[in-house]
Amino acid sequence: MYNCADDSYLIDGGKANPYYNGNMMQYLESRPDYFKDLVEVIRLSGMEDVFEDEQITFFAPTDWSIRGSFNYLNRIWYRMGHDSIKSFSQIKPEVWREMLSMYIVKDKYLLKDIPQIDTTAIAAYPGQAFLSYGQQPMNMGVVYYDANNVKYAGARQIIYSYVYDFTIGDMKNAYVATSDIQPTNGVVHVLRLTDHAFGFEPYLFATKAINATIETEPDN
């Protein structure tokens, strides 16, 4: 279904031009191989103006992440005795807004602007705490990997984290696969698709969707 063989920027994160001549919504629309479902979710949430006009940093979950959490919701919903949820539109817009807002930070933060984080020495290198667009406590930091037995001398990678408890460093981390994609109104950091669930925890998304009530599938 997806083919990224010719996608030098998303794979390598630096060989191609990181600038995109268009707003963030247009960039996401231009990459249906990664963001077709994401674009649909943005429209259902009513947040197009945020992605078109506001200066933001967006930690973009791919369609794999969204589908993974949607499928988890469907399994829970089926066990509750309901028919499968067929369409994203059956989930209330406010749920999509709340979930998407977790991934948005106001203003523009490139990799170079983000403080170091070391998950094994969090007191010394904690990254930086932020409130997301929806006022959820989040954290972002840059991991400095070792190279040739030299500590912190290697490649760098952004981690974006959902915070359970700042005082004990209890966070759910999402790793950025590609950073610093720059449309005209901010920056996109694409989250690694292999191990990130939309909403950071599938049950969090499922619980909020169910509590908000699932709409009946519209008649064709």
C-alpha atoms as a PDB file:
ATOM      1  CA  MET A   1       0.000   0.000   0.000  1.00  0.00           C
ATOM      2  CA  TYR A   2       2.840   2.380   0.814  1.00  0.00           C
ATOM      3  CA  ASN A   3       6.047   2.819  -1.101  1.00  0.00           C
ATOM      4  CA  CYS A   4       8.822   4.937   0.337  1.00  0.00           C
ATOM      5  CA  ALA A   5      11.627   3.673  -1.897  1.00  0.00           C
ATOM      6  CA  ASP A   6      11.961   7.009  -3.677  1.00  0.00           C
ATOM      7  CA  ASP A   7      11.496   9.125  -0.572  1.00  0.00           C
ATOM      8  CA  SER A   8      15.030  10.382   0.030  1.00  0.00           C
ATOM      9  CA  TYR A   9      14.094  13.042   2.554  1.00  0.00           C
ATOM     10  CA  LEU A  10      11.835  10.990   4.801  1.00  0.00           C
ATOM     11  CA  ILE A  11      14.290   8.101   4.785  1.00  0.00           C
ATOM     12  CA  ASP A  12      17.550   9.979   5.121  1.00  0.00           C
ATOM     13  CA  GLY A  13      16.429  13.163   6.823  1.00  0.00           C
ATOM     14  CA  GLY A  14      18.878  15.518   5.211  1.00  0.00           C
ATOM     15  CA  LYS A  15      19.948  14.802   1.652  1.00  0.00           C
ATOM     16  CA  ALA A  16      17.025  16.609   0.070  1.00  0.00           C
ATOM     17  CA  ASN A  17      15.788  20.168   0.467  1.00  0.00           C
ATOM     18  CA  PRO A  18      13.927  20.438   3.813  1.00  0.00           C
ATOM     19  CA  TYR A  19      11.938  23.516   2.712  1.00  0.00           C
ATOM     20  CA  TYR A  20       8.435  23.206   1.303  1.00  0.00           C
ATOM     21  CA  ASN A  21       6.923  26.071  -0.683  1.00  0.00           C
ATOM     22  CA  GLY A  22       3.457  25.930   0.814  1.00  0.00           C
ATOM     23  CA  ASN A  23       1.744  25.863   4.178  1.00  0.00           C
ATOM     24  CA  MET A  24       1.753  22.869   6.494  1.00  0.00           C
ATOM     25  CA  MET A  25      -1.647  21.610   5.394  1.00  0.00           C
ATOM     26  CA  GLN A  26      -0.500  21.690   1.780  1.00  0.00           C
ATOM     27  CA  TYR A  27       2.645  19.767   2.685  1.00  0.00           C
ATOM     28  CA  LEU A  28       0.656  17.030   4.426  1.00  0.00           C
ATOM     29  CA  GLU A  29      -1.757  16.860   1.487  1.00  0.00           C
ATOM     30  CA  SER A  30       1.215  16.450  -0.865  1.00  0.00           C
ATOM     31  CA  ARG A  31       2.282  13.251   0.925  1.00  0.00           C
ATOM     32  CA  PRO A  32      -0.716  10.872   0.842  1.00  0.00           C
ATOM     33  CA  ASP A  33       1.706   7.948   1.103  1.00  0.00           C
ATOM     34  CA  TYR A  34       2.276   8.952   4.726  1.00  0.00           C
ATOM     35  CA  PHE A  35      -0.506  11.344   5.686  1.00  0.00           C
ATOM     36  CA  LYS A  36      -3.753  10.540   3.838  1.00  0.00           C
ATOM     37  CA  ASP A  37      -5.552   9.493   7.026  1.00  0.00           C
ATOM     38  CA  LEU A  38      -3.949  12.315   8.985  1.00  0.00           C
ATOM     39  CA  VAL A  39      -5.292  14.897   6.526  1.00  0.00           C
ATOM     40  CA  GLU A  40      -8.779  13.394   6.863  1.00  0.00           C
ATOM     41  CA  VAL A  41      -8.532  13.555  10.651  1.00  0.00           C
ATOM     42  CA  ILE A  42      -7.418  17.204  10.535  1.00  0.00           C
ATOM     43  CA  ARG A  43     -10.445  18.063   8.410  1.00  0.00           C
ATOM     44  CA  LEU A  44     -12.808  16.141  10.697  1.00  0.00           C
ATOM     45  CA  SER A  45     -11.373  17.995  13.684  1.00  0.00           C
ATOM     46  CA  GLY A  46     -11.997  21.386  12.088  1.00  0.00           C
ATOM     47  CA  MET A  47      -8.363  22.390  12.599  1.00  0.00           C
ATOM     48  CA  GLU A  48      -7.420  23.173   9.001  1.00  0.00           C
ATOM     49  CA  ASP A  49      -6.885  26.852   9.848  1.00  0.00           C
ATOM     50  CA  VAL A  50      -4.255  25.924  12.446  1.00  0.00           C
ATOM     51  CA  PHE A  51      -2.252  23.992   9.858  1.00  0.00           C
ATOM     52  CA  GLU A  52      -2.763  26.632   7.164  1.00  0.00           C
ATOM     53  CA  ASP A  53      -2.228  29.872   9.065  1.00  0.00           C
ATOM     54  CA  GLU A  54      -0.603  29.479  12.475  1.00  0.00           C
ATOM     55  CA  GLN A  55       3.118  29.241  13.207  1.00  0.00           C
ATOM     56  CA  ILE A  56       3.478  25.817  14.822  1.00  0.00           C
ATOM     57  CA  THR A  57       5.730  22.865  15.441  1.00  0.00           C
ATOM     58  CA  PHE A  58       3.938  19.655  14.493  1.00  0.00           C
ATOM     59  CA  PHE A  59       5.077  16.207  15.529  1.00  0.00           C
ATOM     60  CA  ALA A  60       3.316  14.380  12.725  1.00  0.00           C
ATOM     61  CA  PRO A  61       1.935  10.899  13.377  1.00  0.00           C
ATOM     62  CA  THR A  62       1.802   8.813  10.219  1.00  0.00           C
ATOM     63  CA  ASP A  63      -1.194   6.895   8.942  1.00  0.00           C
ATOM     64  CA  TRP A  64       0.258   3.705  10.432  1.00  0.00           C
ATOM     65  CA  SER A  65      -0.026   5.234  13.917  1.00  0.00           C
ATOM     66  CA  ILE A  66      -3.574   6.448  13.345  1.00  0.00           C
ATOM     67  CA  ARG A  67      -4.718   3.121  11.896  1.00  0.00           C
ATOM     68  CA  GLY A  68      -3.129   1.224  14.765  1.00  0.00           C
ATOM     69  CA  SER A  69      -5.083   3.146  17.403  1.00  0.00           C
ATOM     70  CA  PHE A  70      -8.259   3.067  15.311  1.00  0.00           C
ATOM     71  CA  ASN A  71      -8.000  -0.717  15.018  1.00  0.00           C
ATOM     72  CA  TYR A  72      -7.446  -0.989  18.775  1.00  0.00           C
ATOM     73  CA  LEU A  73     -10.607   1.069  19.343  1.00  0.00           C
ATOM     74  CA  ASN A  74     -12.503  -1.241  17.015  1.00  0.00           C
ATOM     75  CA  ARG A  75     -11.423  -4.323  18.955  1.00  0.00           C
ATOM     76  CA  ILE A  76     -12.634  -2.784  22.219  1.00  0.00           C
ATOM     77  CA  TRP A  77     -15.870  -1.627  20.583  1.00  0.00           C
ATOM     78  CA  TYR A  78     -16.525  -5.101  19.166  1.00  0.00           C
ATOM     79  CA  ARG A  79     -15.980  -6.726  22.564  1.00  0.00           C
ATOM     80  CA  MET A  80     -18.601  -4.356  23.933  1.00  0.00           C
ATOM     81  CA  GLY A  81     -21.089  -5.917  21.514  1.00  0.00           C
ATOM     82  CA  HIS A  82     -21.161  -3.265  18.796  1.00  0.00           C
ATOM     83  CA  ASP A  83     -20.705  -3.382  15.042  1.00  0.00           C
ATOM     84  CA  SER A  84     -17.334  -2.294  13.711  1.00  0.00           C
ATOM     85  CA  ILE A  85     -16.599   1.392  13.348  1.00  0.00           C
ATOM     86  CA  LYS A  86     -16.220   1.867   9.603  1.00  0.00           C
ATOM     87  CA  SER A  87     -15.348   5.544   9.297  1.00  0.00           C
ATOM     88  CA  PHE A  88     -13.222   8.118  11.096  1.00  0.00           C
ATOM     89  CA  SER A  89     -16.280  10.399  10.888  1.00  0.00           C
ATOM     90  CA  GLN A  90     -18.076   8.222  13.460  1.00  0.00           C
ATOM     91  CA  ILE A  91     -15.658   9.548  16.083  1.00  0.00           C
ATOM     92  CA  LYS A  92     -16.636  12.929  17.520  1.00  0.00           C
ATOM     93  CA  PRO A  93     -14.685  15.932  16.174  1.00  0.00           C
ATOM     94  CA  GLU A  94     -13.747  17.025  19.697  1.00  0.00           C
ATOM     95  CA  VAL A  95     -11.910  13.732  20.224  1.00  0.00           C
ATOM     96  CA  TRP A  96      -9.867  14.252  17.077  1.00  0.00           C
ATOM     97  CA  ARG A  97      -9.166  17.861  18.154  1.00  0.00           C
ATOM     98  CA  GLU A  98      -7.966  16.806  21.587  1.00  0.00           C
ATOM     99  CA  MET A  99      -5.747  14.065  20.219  1.00  0.00           C
ATOM    100  CA  LEU A 100      -4.256  16.185  17.422  1.00  0.00           C
ATOM    101  CA  SER A 101      -3.574  19.048  19.826  1.00  0.00           C
ATOM    102  CA  MET A 102      -1.161  16.812  21.734  1.00  0.00           C
ATOM    103  CA  TYR A 103       1.141  16.873  18.713  1.00  0.00           C
ATOM    104  CA  ILE A 104       1.166  20.647  18.199  1.00  0.00           C
ATOM    105  CA  VAL A 105       3.339  23.209  19.965  1.00  0.00           C
ATOM    106  CA  LYS A 106       2.982  26.906  19.228  1.00  0.00           C
ATOM    107  CA  ASP A 107       5.921  28.587  17.472  1.00  0.00           C
ATOM    108  CA  LYS A 108       8.731  26.963  15.502  1.00  0.00           C
ATOM    109  CA  TYR A 109      11.277  24.638  17.103  1.00  0.00           C
ATOM    110  CA  LEU A 110      13.939  23.118  14.885  1.00  0.00           C
ATOM    111  CA  LEU A 111      16.200  20.356  16.161  1.00  0.00           C
ATOM    112  CA  LYS A 112      18.888  22.933  16.945  1.00  0.00           C
ATOM    113  CA  ASP A 113      16.460  24.855  19.182  1.00  0.00           C
ATOM    114  CA  ILE A 114      15.603  21.900  21.424  1.00  0.00           C
ATOM    115  CA  PRO A 115      17.643  21.097  24.573  1.00  0.00           C
ATOM    116  CA  GLN A 116      19.391  17.770  25.111  1.00  0.00           C
ATOM    117  CA  ILE A 117      17.656  14.837  26.782  1.00  0.00           C
ATOM    118  CA  ASP A 118      19.287  11.712  28.170  1.00  0.00           C
ATOM    119  CA  THR A 119      16.732   9.164  29.328  1.00  0.00           C
ATOM    120  CA  THR A 120      19.411   7.513  31.494  1.00  0.00           C
ATOM    121  CA  ALA A 121      20.385  10.831  33.127  1.00  0.00           C
ATOM    122  CA  ILE A 122      17.116  12.719  33.072  1.00  0.00           C
ATOM    123  CA  ALA A 123      18.029  14.980  36.017  1.00  0.00           C
ATOM    124  CA  ALA A 124      21.054  16.320  34.147  1.00  0.00           C
ATOM    125  CA  TYR A 125      19.535  16.390  30.662  1.00  0.00           C
ATOM    126  CA  PRO A 126      15.727  16.648  30.894  1.00  0.00           C
ATOM    127  CA  GLY A 127      14.959  18.289  27.567  1.00  0.00           C
ATOM    128  CA  GLN A 128      12.312  20.977  27.936  1.00  0.00           C
ATOM    129  CA  ALA A 129       8.734  20.935  29.177  1.00  0.00           C
ATOM    130  CA  PHE A 130       6.019  22.512  27.054  1.00  0.00           C
ATOM    131  CA  LEU A 131       2.281  22.854  27.044  1.00  0.00           C
ATOM    132  CA  SER A 132       0.832  21.535  23.816  1.00  0.00           C
ATOM    133  CA  TYR A 133      -1.710  23.421  21.728  1.00  0.00           C
ATOM    134  CA  GLY A 134      -4.406  21.751  23.819  1.00  0.00           C
ATOM    135  CA  GLN A 135      -2.607  22.581  27.094  1.00  0.00           C
ATOM    136  CA  GLN A 136      -1.403  19.048  27.774  1.00  0.00           C
ATOM    137  CA  PRO A 137       1.975  18.787  29.528  1.00  0.00           C
ATOM    138  CA  MET A 138       4.525  17.498  27.032  1.00  0.00           C
ATOM    139  CA  ASN A 139       8.300  17.312  26.810  1.00  0.00           C
ATOM    140  CA  MET A 140      10.723  17.539  23.922  1.00  0.00           C
ATOM    141  CA  GLY A 141      14.416  16.841  23.864  1.00  0.00           C
ATOM    142  CA  VAL A 142      17.260  15.831  21.581  1.00  0.00           C
ATOM    143  CA  VAL A 143      19.091  12.561  22.197  1.00  0.00           C
ATOM    144  CA  TYR A 144      22.834  12.769  21.562  1.00  0.00           C
ATOM    145  CA  TYR A 145      24.067   9.294  20.661  1.00  0.00           C
ATOM    146  CA  ASP A 146      27.608   8.103  21.291  1.00  0.00           C
ATOM    147  CA  ALA A 147      30.089   7.627  18.442  1.00  0.00           C
ATOM    148  CA  ASN A 148      33.459   5.833  18.429  1.00  0.00           C
ATOM    149  CA  ASN A 149      33.221   5.447  22.210  1.00  0.00           C
ATOM    150  CA  VAL A 150      32.840   9.203  22.622  1.00  0.00           C
ATOM    151  CA  LYS A 151      29.788  10.102  24.686  1.00  0.00           C
ATOM    152  CA  TYR A 152      27.259  12.400  22.986  1.00  0.00           C
ATOM    153  CA  ALA A 153      29.429  12.734  19.840  1.00  0.00           C
ATOM    154  CA  GLY A 154      27.126  10.887  17.458  1.00  0.00           C
ATOM    155  CA  ALA A 155      23.873  11.405  15.628  1.00  0.00           C
ATOM    156  CA  ARG A 156      21.040  13.384  17.165  1.00  0.00           C
ATOM    157  CA  GLN A 157      17.358  12.526  17.338  1.00  0.00           C
ATOM    158  CA  ILE A 158      14.337  14.340  18.745  1.00  0.00           C
ATOM    159  CA  ILE A 159      12.105  12.672  21.320  1.00  0.00           C
ATOM    160  CA  TYR A 160       8.608  14.067  21.926  1.00  0.00           C
ATOM    161  CA  SER A 161       6.965  12.818  25.107  1.00  0.00           C
ATOM    162  CA  TYR A 162       3.556  12.653  26.746  1.00  0.00           C
ATOM    163  CA  VAL A 163       4.096  13.411  30.426  1.00  0.00           C
ATOM    164  CA  TYR A 164       2.426  11.371  33.136  1.00  0.00           C
ATOM    165  CA  ASP A 165       4.450  12.816  36.027  1.00  0.00           C
ATOM    166  CA  PHE A 166       7.259  15.362  35.665  1.00  0.00           C
ATOM    167  CA  THR A 167       8.467  14.851  39.239  1.00  0.00           C
ATOM    168  CA  ILE A 168       9.584  11.271  38.607  1.00  0.00           C
ATOM    169  CA  GLY A 169      10.287  11.579  34.891  1.00  0.00           C
ATOM    170  CA  ASP A 170       7.376   9.327  33.943  1.00  0.00           C
ATOM    171  CA  MET A 171       6.879   9.929  30.222  1.00  0.00           C
ATOM    172  CA  LYS A 172       5.768   8.060  27.104  1.00  0.00           C
ATOM    173  CA  ASN A 173       8.305   8.752  24.361  1.00  0.00           C
ATOM    174  CA  ALA A 174       7.791   9.107  20.624  1.00  0.00           C
ATOM    175  CA  TYR A 175      10.909   9.127  18.451  1.00  0.00           C
ATOM    176  CA  VAL A 176      11.225  11.424  15.443  1.00  0.00           C
ATOM    177  CA  ALA A 177      12.242   9.688  12.213  1.00  0.00           C
ATOM    178  CA  THR A 178      12.643  12.844  10.131  1.00  0.00           C
ATOM    179  CA  SER A 179      13.091  16.346  11.519  1.00  0.00           C
ATOM    180  CA  ASP A 180      13.073  19.937  10.305  1.00  0.00           C
ATOM    181  CA  ILE A 181      10.714  19.735   7.309  1.00  0.00           C
ATOM    182  CA  GLN A 182       9.867  23.405   6.898  1.00  0.00           C
ATOM    183  CA  PRO A 183       6.695  24.619   5.186  1.00  0.00           C
ATOM    184  CA  THR A 184       5.947  28.336   5.279  1.00  0.00           C
ATOM    185  CA  ASN A 185       4.231  28.344   8.684  1.00  0.00           C
ATOM    186  CA  GLY A 186       6.425  26.276  10.957  1.00  0.00           C
ATOM    187  CA  VAL A 187       8.152  22.914  11.076  1.00  0.00           C
ATOM    188  CA  VAL A 188       7.116  19.268  10.804  1.00  0.00           C
ATOM    189  CA  HIS A 189       8.924  16.493  12.655  1.00  0.00           C
ATOM    190  CA  VAL A 190       7.670  13.097  11.429  1.00  0.00           C
ATOM    191  CA  LEU A 191       7.284  10.497  14.168  1.00  0.00           C
ATOM    192  CA  ARG A 192       8.702   7.025  13.709  1.00  0.00           C
ATOM    193  CA  LEU A 193       5.929   4.822  12.365  1.00  0.00           C
ATOM    194  CA  THR A 194       7.131   1.498  13.744  1.00  0.00           C
ATOM    195  CA  ASP A 195       6.430   2.042  17.429  1.00  0.00           C
ATOM    196  CA  HIS A 196       4.141   5.027  17.943  1.00  0.00           C
ATOM    197  CA  ALA A 197       0.414   4.751  18.605  1.00  0.00           C
ATOM    198  CA  PHE A 198      -1.806   7.763  17.888  1.00  0.00           C
ATOM    199  CA  GLY A 199      -2.659   9.361  21.222  1.00  0.00           C
ATOM    200  CA  PHE A 200       0.570   7.913  22.695  1.00  0.00           C
ATOM    201  CA  GLU A 201      -1.441   5.085  24.294  1.00  0.00           C
ATOM    202  CA  PRO A 202      -4.084   3.241  22.221  1.00  0.00           C
ATOM    203  CA  TYR A 203      -6.371   2.852  25.225  1.00  0.00           C
ATOM    204  CA  LEU A 204      -6.271   6.618  25.843  1.00  0.00           C
ATOM    205  CA  PHE A 205      -7.620   7.299  22.360  1.00  0.00           C
ATOM    206  CA  ALA A 206     -10.151   4.449  22.635  1.00  0.00           C
ATOM    207  CA  THR A 207     -11.421   5.574  26.039  1.00  0.00           C
ATOM    208  CA  LYS A 208     -11.918   9.161  24.936  1.00  0.00           C
ATOM    209  CA  ALA A 209     -13.664   8.110  21.713  1.00  0.00           C
ATOM    210  CA  ILE A 210     -16.037   5.745  23.527  1.00  0.00           C
ATOM    211  CA  ASN A 211     -16.789   8.192  26.337  1.00  0.00           C
ATOM    212  CA  ALA A 212     -17.674  10.860  23.773  1.00  0.00           C
ATOM    213  CA  THR A 213     -20.032   8.308  22.118  1.00  0.00           C
ATOM    214  CA  ILE A 214     -19.521   6.737  18.703  1.00  0.00           C
ATOM    215  CA  GLU A 215     -21.838   7.906  15.950  1.00  0.00           C
ATOM    216  CA  THR A 216     -23.932   5.370  14.038  1.00  0.00           C
ATOM    217  CA  GLU A 217     -22.544   4.671  10.594  1.00  0.00           C
ATOM    218  CA  PRO A 218     -24.419   6.865   8.089  1.00  0.00           C
ATOM    219  CA  ASP A 219     -26.650   5.083   5.589  1.00  0.00           C
ATOM    220  CA  ASN A 220     -25.250   4.853   2.068  1.00  0.00           C
END
